[in-house]
Amino acid sequence: MPVLLWYGGTFDPVHRGHLAIAHAAAAAFGGPVTLAPAADPPHRAAPGATAAHRARMLELAADGDPCLRVDRRELHREGPSWTVDTLRELRAVHGTGAPLALLLGADSFRTLPTWHQWRGLLPLAHLVVAGRGSGPLEQGLPEVLAREAQGRWCDDPSALATSPGGRILRLRQPLRGESATAVRTAIAAGDPAWQQAVPPPVAAYILRHGLYGARPVQGP
């Protein structure tokens, strides 16, 4: 049974680093990745762009790409955007036996103990963690997370297809330097180099709507 790959986040804005992780996961598992913008991330500062803008930028980035899909379900749910609630919704749709994997970067993975009901994530889904560099992901984890992850690590994507959840896979992917914070900072500073960090349709959208302090341009 194919693994359902779910990649949630603020995507504020979506950049080439996000897309590289999604494409690496799609290649590793041989199936598409669903990108899901968060409406109200309760564990971090408010996004720089509205949920509607962030979702539209994701759709522009994914347009015509068979490896990527966009799901707006978190935008339609009232209250905080808890990942554990999203996974429960997905379980209700796909059943308790379907292999489901939550894709996230190494930095997000290390903050997992700060997430709402974080110990409820692994019973609901596998975790696919995209590391930065070649160092082992197990090093430097908070002690409580290291204990929770013990015995769950694997490197073979096919191992995740044999169970609905509970494993943690190290995703090997090309290291990229983009970050949403750096993109927003460059836009606000008037540095045009930010346009190289995002897909052209996303750059055009940011300029057209004057997001993150960009100077708006005229157009439809």
N, C-alpha and C. Protein backbone atom coordinates (compact mmCIF):
# COMPACT_ATOMS: atom_id res chain seq x y z
N MET A 1 0.85 -1.19 0.00
CA MET A 1 0.00 0.00 0.00
C MET A 1 0.89 1.24 0.00
N PRO A 2 0.64 2.21 -0.88
CA PRO A 2 1.49 3.41 -0.92
C PRO A 2 1.37 4.23 0.35
N VAL A 3 2.46 4.89 0.70
CA VAL A 3 2.48 5.75 1.88
C VAL A 3 1.91 7.12 1.50
N LEU A 4 0.98 7.61 2.30
CA LEU A 4 0.41 8.94 2.10
C LEU A 4 1.33 9.95 2.77
N LEU A 5 1.89 10.86 1.98
CA LEU A 5 2.88 11.82 2.47
C LEU A 5 2.23 13.17 2.69
N TRP A 6 2.32 13.68 3.92
CA TRP A 6 1.67 14.93 4.30
C TRP A 6 2.74 15.91 4.78
N TYR A 7 2.81 17.08 4.16
CA TYR A 7 3.82 18.08 4.48
C TYR A 7 3.12 19.36 4.89
N GLY A 8 2.99 19.57 6.20
CA GLY A 8 2.33 20.75 6.71
C GLY A 8 3.32 21.83 7.10
N GLY A 9 2.85 23.07 7.17
CA GLY A 9 3.71 24.16 7.58
C GLY A 9 3.07 25.50 7.28
N THR A 10 3.74 26.56 7.71
CA THR A 10 3.21 27.89 7.41
C THR A 10 3.51 28.29 5.97
N PHE A 11 4.66 27.84 5.42
CA PHE A 11 5.03 28.18 4.04
C PHE A 11 4.87 29.69 3.83
N ASP A 12 5.69 30.45 4.56
CA ASP A 12 5.49 31.89 4.66
C ASP A 12 6.73 32.68 4.21
N PRO A 13 7.07 32.66 2.90
CA PRO A 13 6.37 32.01 1.79
C PRO A 13 7.00 30.65 1.46
N VAL A 14 6.33 29.89 0.60
CA VAL A 14 6.92 28.66 0.08
C VAL A 14 8.16 29.04 -0.73
N HIS A 15 9.25 28.27 -0.57
CA HIS A 15 10.48 28.56 -1.29
C HIS A 15 11.07 27.26 -1.85
N ARG A 16 12.18 27.39 -2.56
CA ARG A 16 12.76 26.23 -3.25
C ARG A 16 13.26 25.17 -2.27
N GLY A 17 13.61 25.57 -1.06
CA GLY A 17 14.00 24.59 -0.06
C GLY A 17 12.84 23.68 0.33
N HIS A 18 11.66 24.27 0.54
CA HIS A 18 10.46 23.46 0.80
C HIS A 18 10.22 22.46 -0.33
N LEU A 19 10.31 22.96 -1.55
CA LEU A 19 10.01 22.12 -2.71
C LEU A 19 11.04 21.02 -2.89
N ALA A 20 12.31 21.30 -2.54
CA ALA A 20 13.34 20.28 -2.63
C ALA A 20 13.05 19.12 -1.67
N ILE A 21 12.60 19.45 -0.46
CA ILE A 21 12.24 18.40 0.50
C ILE A 21 11.07 17.58 -0.03
N ALA A 22 10.05 18.27 -0.56
CA ALA A 22 8.87 17.55 -1.08
C ALA A 22 9.25 16.65 -2.24
N HIS A 23 10.10 17.13 -3.14
CA HIS A 23 10.49 16.31 -4.29
C HIS A 23 11.37 15.14 -3.86
N ALA A 24 12.23 15.35 -2.87
CA ALA A 24 13.05 14.24 -2.37
C ALA A 24 12.17 13.15 -1.77
N ALA A 25 11.14 13.54 -1.03
CA ALA A 25 10.22 12.56 -0.45
C ALA A 25 9.42 11.86 -1.54
N ALA A 26 8.95 12.60 -2.54
CA ALA A 26 8.19 11.99 -3.63
C ALA A 26 9.04 10.98 -4.37
N ALA A 27 10.31 11.30 -4.58
CA ALA A 27 11.21 10.37 -5.27
C ALA A 27 11.49 9.13 -4.42
N ALA A 28 11.67 9.32 -3.12
CA ALA A 28 11.98 8.20 -2.23
C ALA A 28 10.83 7.23 -2.11
N PHE A 29 9.59 7.75 -2.11
CA PHE A 29 8.43 6.90 -1.87
C PHE A 29 7.66 6.58 -3.15
N GLY A 30 7.99 7.24 -4.26
CA GLY A 30 7.32 6.95 -5.52
C GLY A 30 5.88 7.39 -5.56
N GLY A 31 5.57 8.49 -4.88
CA GLY A 31 4.20 9.00 -4.87
C GLY A 31 4.18 10.48 -4.57
N PRO A 32 3.03 11.12 -4.75
CA PRO A 32 2.95 12.57 -4.55
C PRO A 32 3.00 12.96 -3.07
N VAL A 33 3.34 14.22 -2.84
CA VAL A 33 3.36 14.82 -1.50
C VAL A 33 2.27 15.87 -1.43
N THR A 34 1.50 15.84 -0.36
CA THR A 34 0.46 16.85 -0.14
C THR A 34 1.01 17.96 0.74
N LEU A 35 0.98 19.18 0.22
CA LEU A 35 1.41 20.36 0.95
C LEU A 35 0.19 20.99 1.61
N ALA A 36 0.28 21.24 2.92
CA ALA A 36 -0.88 21.73 3.66
C ALA A 36 -0.52 22.98 4.45
N PRO A 37 -0.98 24.14 4.01
CA PRO A 37 -0.68 25.37 4.75
C PRO A 37 -1.44 25.43 6.06
N ALA A 38 -0.76 25.88 7.12
CA ALA A 38 -1.39 26.03 8.43
C ALA A 38 -2.14 27.34 8.49
N ALA A 39 -3.30 27.32 9.12
CA ALA A 39 -4.09 28.54 9.25
C ALA A 39 -3.62 29.39 10.41
N ASP A 40 -3.40 28.76 11.55
CA ASP A 40 -3.08 29.50 12.77
C ASP A 40 -2.07 28.69 13.57
N PRO A 41 -0.79 28.76 13.23
CA PRO A 41 0.20 27.96 13.97
C PRO A 41 0.35 28.47 15.39
N PRO A 42 -0.13 27.75 16.40
CA PRO A 42 -0.18 28.27 17.77
C PRO A 42 1.16 28.28 18.47
N HIS A 43 2.19 27.55 17.96
CA HIS A 43 3.46 27.44 18.66
C HIS A 43 4.51 28.40 18.12
N ARG A 44 4.12 29.35 17.26
CA ARG A 44 5.09 30.30 16.70
C ARG A 44 4.40 31.62 16.41
N ALA A 45 5.19 32.63 16.04
CA ALA A 45 4.64 33.96 15.77
C ALA A 45 3.69 33.91 14.59
N ALA A 46 2.80 34.90 14.55
CA ALA A 46 1.83 34.97 13.45
C ALA A 46 2.56 35.08 12.12
N PRO A 47 2.06 34.41 11.08
CA PRO A 47 2.71 34.47 9.76
C PRO A 47 2.72 35.89 9.21
N GLY A 48 3.64 36.15 8.28
CA GLY A 48 3.73 37.46 7.66
C GLY A 48 2.69 37.69 6.60
N ALA A 49 2.12 36.62 6.05
CA ALA A 49 1.06 36.71 5.04
C ALA A 49 -0.16 35.95 5.53
N THR A 50 -1.33 36.34 5.05
CA THR A 50 -2.55 35.67 5.46
C THR A 50 -2.56 34.22 4.96
N ALA A 51 -3.41 33.42 5.58
CA ALA A 51 -3.53 32.03 5.16
C ALA A 51 -3.94 31.93 3.70
N ALA A 52 -4.84 32.80 3.26
CA ALA A 52 -5.29 32.76 1.86
C ALA A 52 -4.14 33.03 0.91
N HIS A 53 -3.29 34.01 1.23
CA HIS A 53 -2.13 34.30 0.37
C HIS A 53 -1.15 33.13 0.38
N ARG A 54 -0.87 32.58 1.55
CA ARG A 54 0.09 31.48 1.63
C ARG A 54 -0.39 30.25 0.88
N ALA A 55 -1.68 29.97 0.98
CA ALA A 55 -2.24 28.83 0.26
C ALA A 55 -2.18 29.05 -1.25
N ARG A 56 -2.47 30.27 -1.68
CA ARG A 56 -2.43 30.55 -3.12
C ARG A 56 -1.01 30.44 -3.66
N MET A 57 -0.03 30.90 -2.89
CA MET A 57 1.37 30.76 -3.34
C MET A 57 1.76 29.29 -3.45
N LEU A 58 1.30 28.47 -2.52
CA LEU A 58 1.56 27.03 -2.62
C LEU A 58 0.95 26.45 -3.88
N GLU A 59 -0.27 26.85 -4.19
CA GLU A 59 -0.94 26.35 -5.39
C GLU A 59 -0.19 26.77 -6.65
N LEU A 60 0.33 27.98 -6.66
CA LEU A 60 1.11 28.43 -7.81
C LEU A 60 2.40 27.62 -7.94
N ALA A 61 3.04 27.33 -6.81
CA ALA A 61 4.28 26.55 -6.83
C ALA A 61 4.05 25.11 -7.28
N ALA A 62 2.88 24.56 -6.94
CA ALA A 62 2.58 23.15 -7.25
C ALA A 62 1.91 22.96 -8.60
N ASP A 63 1.46 24.04 -9.21
CA ASP A 63 0.69 23.95 -10.45
C ASP A 63 1.47 23.21 -11.54
N GLY A 64 0.86 22.16 -12.07
CA GLY A 64 1.47 21.39 -13.15
C GLY A 64 2.52 20.40 -12.71
N ASP A 65 2.77 20.28 -11.42
CA ASP A 65 3.79 19.36 -10.91
C ASP A 65 3.09 18.09 -10.41
N PRO A 66 3.30 16.96 -11.06
CA PRO A 66 2.59 15.73 -10.64
C PRO A 66 3.03 15.21 -9.28
N CYS A 67 4.15 15.72 -8.75
CA CYS A 67 4.64 15.26 -7.45
C CYS A 67 4.00 16.00 -6.28
N LEU A 68 3.30 17.09 -6.58
CA LEU A 68 2.81 17.95 -5.50
C LEU A 68 1.31 18.15 -5.57
N ARG A 69 0.70 18.17 -4.39
CA ARG A 69 -0.72 18.50 -4.24
C ARG A 69 -0.85 19.50 -3.10
N VAL A 70 -1.95 20.24 -3.08
CA VAL A 70 -2.19 21.21 -2.01
C VAL A 70 -3.54 20.90 -1.36
N ASP A 71 -3.56 20.90 -0.05
CA ASP A 71 -4.78 20.63 0.71
C ASP A 71 -5.02 21.79 1.67
N ARG A 72 -6.19 22.42 1.59
CA ARG A 72 -6.50 23.60 2.40
C ARG A 72 -7.31 23.27 3.66
N ARG A 73 -7.38 22.02 4.06
CA ARG A 73 -8.30 21.65 5.14
C ARG A 73 -8.04 22.42 6.43
N GLU A 74 -6.78 22.72 6.75
CA GLU A 74 -6.51 23.43 8.00
C GLU A 74 -7.01 24.86 7.97
N LEU A 75 -7.18 25.42 6.78
CA LEU A 75 -7.69 26.78 6.66
C LEU A 75 -9.18 26.84 6.96
N HIS A 76 -9.87 25.71 6.81
CA HIS A 76 -11.32 25.69 7.01
C HIS A 76 -11.72 25.25 8.41
N ARG A 77 -10.73 24.93 9.25
CA ARG A 77 -11.02 24.45 10.59
C ARG A 77 -10.91 25.60 11.58
N GLU A 78 -11.88 25.73 12.46
CA GLU A 78 -11.85 26.80 13.45
C GLU A 78 -10.86 26.47 14.56
N GLY A 79 -10.31 27.53 15.16
CA GLY A 79 -9.41 27.34 16.27
C GLY A 79 -7.98 27.11 15.82
N PRO A 80 -7.10 26.78 16.79
CA PRO A 80 -5.68 26.57 16.47
C PRO A 80 -5.48 25.44 15.48
N SER A 81 -4.39 25.54 14.72
CA SER A 81 -4.09 24.55 13.69
C SER A 81 -3.15 23.49 14.27
N TRP A 82 -3.73 22.53 15.00
CA TRP A 82 -2.93 21.48 15.64
C TRP A 82 -2.68 20.35 14.64
N THR A 83 -1.43 19.94 14.51
CA THR A 83 -1.09 18.85 13.59
C THR A 83 -1.75 17.55 14.00
N VAL A 84 -1.83 17.28 15.29
CA VAL A 84 -2.42 16.03 15.74
C VAL A 84 -3.88 15.93 15.32
N ASP A 85 -4.60 17.06 15.29
CA ASP A 85 -5.99 17.04 14.85
C ASP A 85 -6.09 16.76 13.36
N THR A 86 -5.14 17.31 12.60
CA THR A 86 -5.13 17.04 11.16
C THR A 86 -4.90 15.56 10.90
N LEU A 87 -3.97 14.96 11.62
CA LEU A 87 -3.71 13.53 11.44
C LEU A 87 -4.93 12.69 11.81
N ARG A 88 -5.66 13.10 12.82
CA ARG A 88 -6.88 12.38 13.18
C ARG A 88 -7.92 12.49 12.07
N GLU A 89 -8.02 13.67 11.46
CA GLU A 89 -8.93 13.84 10.32
C GLU A 89 -8.53 12.92 9.18
N LEU A 90 -7.24 12.86 8.90
CA LEU A 90 -6.76 12.00 7.81
C LEU A 90 -7.01 10.53 8.11
N ARG A 91 -6.87 10.14 9.36
CA ARG A 91 -7.17 8.76 9.74
C ARG A 91 -8.66 8.46 9.52
N ALA A 92 -9.52 9.42 9.82
CA ALA A 92 -10.95 9.21 9.62
C ALA A 92 -11.27 9.04 8.14
N VAL A 93 -10.50 9.70 7.28
CA VAL A 93 -10.74 9.61 5.83
C VAL A 93 -10.15 8.34 5.24
N HIS A 94 -8.91 8.01 5.63
CA HIS A 94 -8.18 6.93 4.97
C HIS A 94 -8.21 5.61 5.74
N GLY A 95 -8.71 5.63 6.97
CA GLY A 95 -8.77 4.39 7.74
C GLY A 95 -7.57 4.23 8.65
N THR A 96 -7.71 3.33 9.60
CA THR A 96 -6.66 3.15 10.60
C THR A 96 -5.46 2.36 10.09
N GLY A 97 -5.61 1.66 8.98
CA GLY A 97 -4.52 0.81 8.51
C GLY A 97 -3.67 1.41 7.41
N ALA A 98 -4.05 2.54 6.86
CA ALA A 98 -3.30 3.14 5.75
C ALA A 98 -1.98 3.72 6.25
N PRO A 99 -0.87 3.44 5.55
CA PRO A 99 0.41 4.05 5.94
C PRO A 99 0.36 5.56 5.69
N LEU A 100 0.62 6.33 6.71
CA LEU A 100 0.57 7.78 6.64
C LEU A 100 1.87 8.33 7.21
N ALA A 101 2.47 9.30 6.54
CA ALA A 101 3.75 9.86 7.00
C ALA A 101 3.68 11.38 7.01
N LEU A 102 4.15 11.95 8.10
CA LEU A 102 4.25 13.40 8.26
C LEU A 102 5.67 13.81 7.91
N LEU A 103 5.80 14.66 6.90
CA LEU A 103 7.10 15.13 6.44
C LEU A 103 7.44 16.44 7.14
N LEU A 104 8.65 16.53 7.69
CA LEU A 104 9.06 17.75 8.36
C LEU A 104 10.57 17.89 8.33
N GLY A 105 11.05 19.12 8.47
CA GLY A 105 12.47 19.36 8.50
C GLY A 105 13.08 19.04 9.85
N ALA A 106 14.40 18.93 9.87
CA ALA A 106 15.09 18.56 11.11
C ALA A 106 14.87 19.59 12.21
N ASP A 107 14.84 20.88 11.85
CA ASP A 107 14.64 21.91 12.86
C ASP A 107 13.27 21.77 13.53
N SER A 108 12.25 21.51 12.72
CA SER A 108 10.91 21.31 13.27
C SER A 108 10.85 20.05 14.12
N PHE A 109 11.53 19.00 13.66
CA PHE A 109 11.54 17.74 14.41
C PHE A 109 12.10 17.93 15.81
N ARG A 110 13.15 18.73 15.92
CA ARG A 110 13.78 18.94 17.23
C ARG A 110 12.87 19.69 18.20
N THR A 111 11.92 20.44 17.67
CA THR A 111 11.00 21.18 18.55
C THR A 111 9.73 20.38 18.85
N LEU A 112 9.69 19.13 18.43
CA LEU A 112 8.47 18.33 18.57
C LEU A 112 7.90 18.31 19.98
N PRO A 113 8.72 18.24 21.04
CA PRO A 113 8.14 18.21 22.38
C PRO A 113 7.36 19.46 22.75
N THR A 114 7.48 20.54 21.99
CA THR A 114 6.70 21.75 22.26
C THR A 114 5.35 21.72 21.55
N TRP A 115 5.12 20.74 20.69
CA TRP A 115 3.87 20.67 19.94
C TRP A 115 2.74 20.14 20.81
N HIS A 116 1.53 20.53 20.47
CA HIS A 116 0.33 20.09 21.18
C HIS A 116 0.16 18.57 21.05
N GLN A 117 0.06 17.88 22.18
CA GLN A 117 -0.14 16.42 22.21
C GLN A 117 0.85 15.70 21.30
N TRP A 118 2.11 16.08 21.40
CA TRP A 118 3.11 15.58 20.46
C TRP A 118 3.30 14.07 20.53
N ARG A 119 3.10 13.49 21.69
CA ARG A 119 3.24 12.03 21.79
C ARG A 119 2.13 11.29 21.05
N GLY A 120 1.08 12.02 20.66
CA GLY A 120 0.01 11.40 19.90
C GLY A 120 0.29 11.32 18.42
N LEU A 121 1.40 11.93 17.96
CA LEU A 121 1.68 11.95 16.53
C LEU A 121 2.11 10.57 16.00
N LEU A 122 3.07 9.94 16.67
CA LEU A 122 3.61 8.68 16.15
C LEU A 122 2.61 7.53 16.14
N PRO A 123 1.66 7.45 17.08
CA PRO A 123 0.63 6.41 16.93
C PRO A 123 -0.25 6.63 15.69
N LEU A 124 -0.30 7.87 15.20
CA LEU A 124 -1.15 8.19 14.06
C LEU A 124 -0.42 8.15 12.73
N ALA A 125 0.92 8.34 12.75
CA ALA A 125 1.65 8.45 11.49
C ALA A 125 3.13 8.17 11.70
N HIS A 126 3.81 7.85 10.61
CA HIS A 126 5.26 7.85 10.60
C HIS A 126 5.75 9.29 10.52
N LEU A 127 7.01 9.51 10.85
CA LEU A 127 7.66 10.80 10.63
C LEU A 127 8.77 10.62 9.61
N VAL A 128 8.81 11.50 8.63
CA VAL A 128 9.89 11.52 7.64
C VAL A 128 10.62 12.84 7.85
N VAL A 129 11.87 12.75 8.30
CA VAL A 129 12.61 13.93 8.73
C VAL A 129 13.71 14.25 7.72
N ALA A 130 13.64 15.44 7.15
CA ALA A 130 14.65 15.90 6.20
C ALA A 130 15.76 16.60 6.97
N GLY A 131 16.95 16.01 6.97
CA GLY A 131 18.05 16.56 7.74
C GLY A 131 18.77 17.68 7.01
N ARG A 132 19.56 18.42 7.77
CA ARG A 132 20.45 19.45 7.22
C ARG A 132 21.88 18.92 7.29
N GLY A 133 22.52 18.75 6.15
CA GLY A 133 23.88 18.23 6.14
C GLY A 133 23.92 16.73 6.32
N SER A 134 25.11 16.22 6.64
CA SER A 134 25.31 14.77 6.69
C SER A 134 25.32 14.22 8.11
N GLY A 135 25.20 15.07 9.11
CA GLY A 135 25.26 14.60 10.49
C GLY A 135 24.04 13.77 10.86
N PRO A 136 24.21 12.83 11.79
CA PRO A 136 23.07 11.99 12.20
C PRO A 136 22.00 12.80 12.91
N LEU A 137 20.77 12.56 12.54
CA LEU A 137 19.65 13.30 13.13
C LEU A 137 19.46 12.98 14.60
N GLU A 138 19.93 11.82 15.04
CA GLU A 138 19.72 11.42 16.42
C GLU A 138 20.53 12.25 17.41
N GLN A 139 21.58 12.90 16.94
CA GLN A 139 22.44 13.65 17.85
C GLN A 139 21.83 15.02 18.18
N GLY A 140 22.00 15.41 19.43
CA GLY A 140 21.57 16.74 19.84
C GLY A 140 20.08 16.89 20.06
N LEU A 141 19.35 15.79 20.13
CA LEU A 141 17.91 15.89 20.36
C LEU A 141 17.62 16.15 21.84
N PRO A 142 16.52 16.83 22.14
CA PRO A 142 16.09 16.92 23.54
C PRO A 142 15.93 15.51 24.11
N GLU A 143 16.28 15.33 25.37
CA GLU A 143 16.29 14.00 25.96
C GLU A 143 14.93 13.31 25.85
N VAL A 144 13.86 14.05 26.06
CA VAL A 144 12.53 13.45 26.02
C VAL A 144 12.20 12.98 24.61
N LEU A 145 12.67 13.70 23.60
CA LEU A 145 12.44 13.29 22.21
C LEU A 145 13.33 12.11 21.84
N ALA A 146 14.56 12.11 22.31
CA ALA A 146 15.47 11.00 22.04
C ALA A 146 14.91 9.69 22.58
N ARG A 147 14.31 9.75 23.78
CA ARG A 147 13.71 8.54 24.36
C ARG A 147 12.53 8.08 23.52
N GLU A 148 11.70 9.02 23.09
CA GLU A 148 10.52 8.67 22.30
C GLU A 148 10.91 8.08 20.95
N ALA A 149 12.04 8.54 20.39
CA ALA A 149 12.46 8.10 19.06
C ALA A 149 13.26 6.80 19.09
N GLN A 150 13.71 6.39 20.27
CA GLN A 150 14.56 5.21 20.37
C GLN A 150 13.87 3.97 19.79
N GLY A 151 14.60 3.28 18.92
CA GLY A 151 14.08 2.06 18.30
C GLY A 151 13.13 2.29 17.15
N ARG A 152 12.88 3.55 16.79
CA ARG A 152 11.93 3.86 15.70
C ARG A 152 12.64 4.25 14.40
N TRP A 153 13.94 4.53 14.44
CA TRP A 153 14.65 5.05 13.27
C TRP A 153 14.79 3.99 12.18
N CYS A 154 14.69 4.45 10.92
CA CYS A 154 14.95 3.56 9.79
C CYS A 154 15.39 4.40 8.60
N ASP A 155 15.95 3.74 7.60
CA ASP A 155 16.44 4.42 6.40
C ASP A 155 15.78 3.93 5.12
N ASP A 156 14.93 2.93 5.23
CA ASP A 156 14.31 2.31 4.06
C ASP A 156 12.86 2.77 3.93
N PRO A 157 12.52 3.56 2.89
CA PRO A 157 11.14 4.02 2.74
C PRO A 157 10.12 2.89 2.66
N SER A 158 10.53 1.75 2.10
CA SER A 158 9.58 0.64 1.97
C SER A 158 9.14 0.10 3.33
N ALA A 159 9.95 0.32 4.36
CA ALA A 159 9.59 -0.16 5.70
C ALA A 159 8.36 0.56 6.23
N LEU A 160 8.10 1.77 5.76
CA LEU A 160 6.97 2.54 6.25
C LEU A 160 5.66 2.06 5.66
N ALA A 161 5.73 1.34 4.53
CA ALA A 161 4.51 0.88 3.87
C ALA A 161 3.89 -0.32 4.57
N THR A 162 4.61 -0.92 5.51
CA THR A 162 4.12 -2.15 6.13
C THR A 162 3.32 -1.91 7.41
N SER A 163 3.23 -0.63 7.84
CA SER A 163 2.47 -0.32 9.05
C SER A 163 1.89 1.08 8.93
N PRO A 164 0.84 1.40 9.68
CA PRO A 164 0.21 2.72 9.55
C PRO A 164 1.03 3.86 10.11
N GLY A 165 1.89 3.61 11.09
CA GLY A 165 2.66 4.69 11.69
C GLY A 165 3.66 4.16 12.70
N GLY A 166 4.40 5.09 13.33
CA GLY A 166 5.29 4.71 14.41
C GLY A 166 6.77 4.71 14.10
N ARG A 167 7.17 4.79 12.81
CA ARG A 167 8.58 4.79 12.46
C ARG A 167 9.05 6.21 12.17
N ILE A 168 10.37 6.42 12.23
CA ILE A 168 10.98 7.71 11.90
C ILE A 168 12.04 7.46 10.84
N LEU A 169 11.85 8.04 9.69
CA LEU A 169 12.77 7.82 8.57
C LEU A 169 13.63 9.05 8.33
N ARG A 170 14.92 8.84 8.10
CA ARG A 170 15.83 9.90 7.72
C ARG A 170 15.74 10.10 6.21
N LEU A 171 15.33 11.27 5.79
CA LEU A 171 15.21 11.56 4.37
C LEU A 171 16.49 12.20 3.87
N ARG A 172 17.14 11.53 2.93
CA ARG A 172 18.34 12.10 2.32
C ARG A 172 17.91 13.04 1.21
N GLN A 173 18.35 14.29 1.27
CA GLN A 173 17.94 15.26 0.26
C GLN A 173 19.04 16.29 0.09
N PRO A 174 19.08 16.93 -1.09
CA PRO A 174 20.13 17.95 -1.31
C PRO A 174 19.99 19.09 -0.33
N LEU A 175 21.12 19.51 0.23
CA LEU A 175 21.12 20.60 1.19
C LEU A 175 20.95 21.93 0.46
N ARG A 176 19.97 22.70 0.89
CA ARG A 176 19.72 24.00 0.29
C ARG A 176 19.73 25.07 1.39
N GLY A 177 20.02 26.30 1.00
CA GLY A 177 20.19 27.35 1.97
C GLY A 177 18.98 28.23 2.20
N GLU A 178 17.92 28.03 1.42
CA GLU A 178 16.77 28.93 1.56
C GLU A 178 16.07 28.75 2.90
N SER A 179 15.55 29.86 3.41
CA SER A 179 14.66 29.81 4.56
C SER A 179 13.61 30.90 4.37
N ALA A 180 12.43 30.66 4.92
CA ALA A 180 11.36 31.66 4.79
C ALA A 180 11.75 32.95 5.49
N THR A 181 12.44 32.85 6.62
CA THR A 181 12.86 34.05 7.34
C THR A 181 13.80 34.88 6.48
N ALA A 182 14.77 34.22 5.83
CA ALA A 182 15.72 34.94 4.97
C ALA A 182 15.01 35.59 3.80
N VAL A 183 14.02 34.90 3.22
CA VAL A 183 13.27 35.47 2.10
C VAL A 183 12.52 36.72 2.54
N ARG A 184 11.83 36.63 3.67
CA ARG A 184 11.07 37.80 4.15
C ARG A 184 12.01 38.97 4.48
N THR A 185 13.15 38.66 5.08
CA THR A 185 14.11 39.71 5.43
C THR A 185 14.64 40.41 4.18
N ALA A 186 14.95 39.61 3.15
CA ALA A 186 15.47 40.19 1.91
C ALA A 186 14.42 41.05 1.22
N ILE A 187 13.18 40.59 1.24
CA ILE A 187 12.11 41.39 0.62
C ILE A 187 11.97 42.72 1.33
N ALA A 188 11.93 42.69 2.66
CA ALA A 188 11.77 43.91 3.43
C ALA A 188 12.94 44.87 3.23
N ALA A 189 14.13 44.30 2.97
CA ALA A 189 15.32 45.13 2.78
C ALA A 189 15.46 45.63 1.35
N GLY A 190 14.58 45.18 0.47
CA GLY A 190 14.66 45.60 -0.92
C GLY A 190 15.75 44.89 -1.71
N ASP A 191 16.21 43.74 -1.22
CA ASP A 191 17.25 42.96 -1.90
C ASP A 191 16.59 42.06 -2.94
N PRO A 192 16.81 42.30 -4.24
CA PRO A 192 16.11 41.52 -5.27
C PRO A 192 16.55 40.06 -5.34
N ALA A 193 17.62 39.69 -4.63
CA ALA A 193 18.10 38.30 -4.68
C ALA A 193 17.06 37.31 -4.16
N TRP A 194 16.09 37.79 -3.36
CA TRP A 194 15.08 36.88 -2.82
C TRP A 194 14.30 36.17 -3.91
N GLN A 195 14.20 36.80 -5.08
CA GLN A 195 13.40 36.21 -6.16
C GLN A 195 13.99 34.90 -6.67
N GLN A 196 15.29 34.68 -6.43
CA GLN A 196 15.91 33.42 -6.84
C GLN A 196 15.57 32.28 -5.89
N ALA A 197 15.05 32.61 -4.70
CA ALA A 197 14.78 31.59 -3.69
C ALA A 197 13.38 31.00 -3.80
N VAL A 198 12.53 31.60 -4.63
CA VAL A 198 11.15 31.12 -4.77
C VAL A 198 10.84 30.88 -6.25
N PRO A 199 9.85 30.04 -6.56
CA PRO A 199 9.48 29.85 -7.96
C PRO A 199 9.00 31.16 -8.59
N PRO A 200 9.22 31.37 -9.87
CA PRO A 200 8.82 32.62 -10.52
C PRO A 200 7.37 33.01 -10.29
N PRO A 201 6.40 32.09 -10.38
CA PRO A 201 5.01 32.51 -10.13
C PRO A 201 4.78 33.02 -8.71
N VAL A 202 5.53 32.48 -7.76
CA VAL A 202 5.41 32.94 -6.37
C VAL A 202 6.02 34.32 -6.23
N ALA A 203 7.17 34.54 -6.86
CA ALA A 203 7.78 35.87 -6.82
C ALA A 203 6.85 36.91 -7.42
N ALA A 204 6.23 36.57 -8.54
CA ALA A 204 5.31 37.51 -9.19
C ALA A 204 4.12 37.81 -8.29
N TYR A 205 3.63 36.79 -7.60
CA TYR A 205 2.48 36.97 -6.70
C TYR A 205 2.85 37.89 -5.54
N ILE A 206 4.02 37.67 -4.96
CA ILE A 206 4.46 38.51 -3.84
C ILE A 206 4.56 39.96 -4.27
N LEU A 207 5.12 40.21 -5.44
CA LEU A 207 5.26 41.57 -5.94
C LEU A 207 3.89 42.19 -6.24
N ARG A 208 3.02 41.38 -6.86
CA ARG A 208 1.71 41.91 -7.26
C ARG A 208 0.89 42.34 -6.05
N HIS A 209 1.03 41.60 -4.94
CA HIS A 209 0.23 41.88 -3.75
C HIS A 209 1.00 42.64 -2.67
N GLY A 210 2.24 42.97 -2.95
CA GLY A 210 3.00 43.75 -1.98
C GLY A 210 3.23 43.03 -0.66
N LEU A 211 3.42 41.71 -0.71
CA LEU A 211 3.58 40.93 0.54
C LEU A 211 4.96 41.14 1.14
N TYR A 212 5.03 41.06 2.45
CA TYR A 212 6.30 41.12 3.22
C TYR A 212 7.04 42.43 3.00
N GLY A 213 6.31 43.47 2.63
CA GLY A 213 6.97 44.75 2.40
C GLY A 213 7.46 44.96 0.99
N ALA A 214 7.12 44.02 0.08
CA ALA A 214 7.51 44.19 -1.32
C ALA A 214 6.73 45.36 -1.93
N ARG A 215 7.36 46.06 -2.83
CA ARG A 215 6.67 47.17 -3.50
C ARG A 215 5.69 46.59 -4.51
N PRO A 216 4.42 46.84 -4.38
CA PRO A 216 3.41 46.28 -5.31
C PRO A 216 3.68 46.73 -6.73
N VAL A 217 3.32 45.86 -7.68
CA VAL A 217 3.39 46.21 -9.10
C VAL A 217 1.98 46.12 -9.65
N GLN A 218 1.75 46.87 -10.70
CA GLN A 218 0.43 46.90 -11.32
C GLN A 218 0.25 45.66 -12.19
N GLY A 219 -0.98 45.14 -12.23
CA GLY A 219 -1.27 43.98 -13.06
C GLY A 219 -2.55 43.34 -12.61
N PRO A 220 -3.00 42.31 -13.36
CA PRO A 220 -4.26 41.64 -13.03
C PRO A 220 -4.12 40.83 -11.75
